[in-house]
Amino acid sequence: PFIKRPLYDAPYAGQPYFCSEYGGIWWNPGQADAESWGYGGESGRPRSETEFLARYRALTEILLRHPHMCAFCYTQLTDVEQEVNGLYSYNRVAKFDPALIHAINTQRAAIED
């Protein structure tokens, strides 16, 4: 039976949004495609670090431009056994220059205006 959830039926009243998960872009060129997982599929995976960072920037900037987006969380921070879509490797080594990630993440958000 249908369960009525009044919280979900409430009209939008201008409250800020929080995106609890975005990203998941595969990046681990040293691991065979069949043995690793991340968004993009085998044919749509980034072919270079530059391409990964362009995708990361594009996804992040979409969230930053939303006038009601107050926070977001990239998935995921580190690789895990079955997923290689982290910004850091399984052993907690940065896959990308942290200064580049910082520059993308610290752009002014639309909600700040």
Protein backbone atom coordinates (compact mmCIF):
# COMPACT_ATOMS: atom_id res chain seq x y z
CA PRO A 1 0.00 0.00 0.00
CA PHE A 2 0.97 3.60 -0.57
CA ILE A 3 2.50 5.28 2.46
CA LYS A 4 1.84 8.99 2.76
CA ARG A 5 4.97 10.94 3.68
CA PRO A 6 4.00 14.54 4.45
CA LEU A 7 7.63 15.68 4.53
CA TYR A 8 8.06 14.77 0.86
CA ASP A 9 4.80 16.48 -0.09
CA ALA A 10 5.77 19.84 1.40
CA PRO A 11 6.09 22.66 -1.12
CA TYR A 12 9.55 24.04 -1.75
CA ALA A 13 10.06 27.11 0.41
CA GLY A 14 13.53 28.23 -0.64
CA GLN A 15 15.51 26.04 1.75
CA PRO A 16 19.05 25.14 0.64
CA TYR A 17 19.92 21.81 -1.01
CA PHE A 18 22.65 19.37 0.02
CA CYS A 19 23.87 16.86 -2.56
CA SER A 20 25.11 13.91 -0.50
CA GLU A 21 26.82 12.14 -3.39
CA TYR A 22 28.10 13.07 -6.83
CA GLY A 23 31.00 12.02 -9.03
CA GLY A 24 32.14 8.43 -9.02
CA ILE A 25 34.34 9.00 -12.07
CA TRP A 26 36.62 6.03 -12.75
CA TRP A 27 40.35 6.72 -12.69
CA ASN A 28 43.02 4.07 -12.30
CA PRO A 29 44.91 3.56 -15.56
CA GLY A 30 47.19 1.00 -13.90
CA GLN A 31 44.36 -1.44 -13.19
CA ALA A 32 42.68 -3.53 -15.88
CA ASP A 33 39.22 -2.24 -16.80
CA ALA A 34 37.56 -5.58 -16.08
CA GLU A 35 38.89 -5.52 -12.52
CA SER A 36 37.73 -2.05 -11.54
CA TRP A 37 34.55 -0.02 -11.42
CA GLY A 38 33.60 3.63 -11.75
CA TYR A 39 31.11 5.68 -13.72
CA GLY A 40 31.78 6.09 -17.40
CA GLY A 41 31.69 2.45 -18.50
CA GLU A 42 34.62 0.93 -20.29
CA SER A 43 34.08 2.99 -23.43
CA GLY A 44 33.26 6.24 -21.63
CA ARG A 45 36.03 6.33 -19.06
CA PRO A 46 38.43 9.26 -19.02
CA ARG A 47 41.48 8.55 -21.16
CA SER A 48 43.77 10.99 -19.38
CA GLU A 49 44.20 12.81 -16.12
CA THR A 50 43.27 16.00 -17.97
CA GLU A 51 39.99 14.44 -19.12
CA PHE A 52 39.20 13.24 -15.59
CA LEU A 53 39.81 16.71 -14.17
CA ALA A 54 37.64 18.28 -16.88
CA ARG A 55 34.77 15.96 -15.90
CA TYR A 56 35.34 16.61 -12.21
CA ARG A 57 35.36 20.38 -12.83
CA ALA A 58 32.19 20.23 -14.96
CA LEU A 59 30.23 18.23 -12.37
CA THR A 60 31.43 20.41 -9.50
CA GLU A 61 30.70 23.66 -11.31
CA ILE A 62 27.13 22.55 -12.06
CA LEU A 63 26.58 22.19 -8.32
CA LEU A 64 28.38 25.44 -7.51
CA ARG A 65 26.21 27.36 -10.00
CA HIS A 66 22.92 26.17 -8.47
CA PRO A 67 21.53 29.08 -6.45
CA HIS A 68 20.15 26.84 -3.67
CA MET A 69 23.05 24.34 -3.36
CA CYS A 70 24.69 24.84 0.04
CA ALA A 71 26.94 21.75 0.14
CA PHE A 72 27.97 18.64 -1.76
CA CYS A 73 30.09 15.55 -1.25
CA TYR A 74 32.21 13.86 -3.93
CA THR A 75 32.04 10.07 -4.09
CA GLN A 76 34.33 9.01 -3.32
CA LEU A 77 37.31 10.37 -1.45
CA THR A 78 39.37 7.16 -1.71
CA ASP A 79 39.32 4.03 -3.82
CA VAL A 80 37.88 0.94 -2.16
CA GLU A 81 38.29 -2.72 -3.04
CA GLN A 82 35.80 -2.81 -5.90
CA GLU A 83 35.66 0.87 -6.95
CA VAL A 84 38.48 3.02 -8.29
CA ASN A 85 36.68 6.34 -8.46
CA GLY A 86 38.39 8.10 -5.57
CA LEU A 87 40.47 11.25 -5.56
CA TYR A 88 42.98 9.24 -3.54
CA SER A 89 44.16 5.68 -4.09
CA TYR A 90 43.27 2.77 -1.82
CA ASN A 91 46.57 3.48 -0.02
CA ARG A 92 45.57 7.15 0.48
CA VAL A 93 47.96 8.59 -2.10
CA ALA A 94 46.64 11.59 -4.03
CA LYS A 95 45.84 10.66 -7.65
CA PHE A 96 45.75 14.31 -8.70
CA ASP A 97 47.52 17.47 -7.66
CA PRO A 98 45.60 18.54 -4.53
CA ALA A 99 46.06 22.19 -5.55
CA LEU A 100 44.01 21.54 -8.71
CA ILE A 101 41.19 19.89 -6.74
CA HIS A 102 41.32 22.74 -4.22
CA ALA A 103 41.09 25.36 -6.97
CA ILE A 104 37.99 23.66 -8.41
CA ASN A 105 36.31 23.17 -5.03
CA THR A 106 36.91 26.66 -3.68
CA GLN A 107 35.31 28.62 -6.49
CA ARG A 108 32.62 30.98 -5.27
CA ALA A 109 29.23 29.27 -5.09
CA ALA A 110 26.06 30.91 -6.39
CA ILE A 111 24.43 30.55 -2.98
CA GLU A 112 27.10 32.90 -1.59
CA ASP A 113 25.90 35.77 -3.77
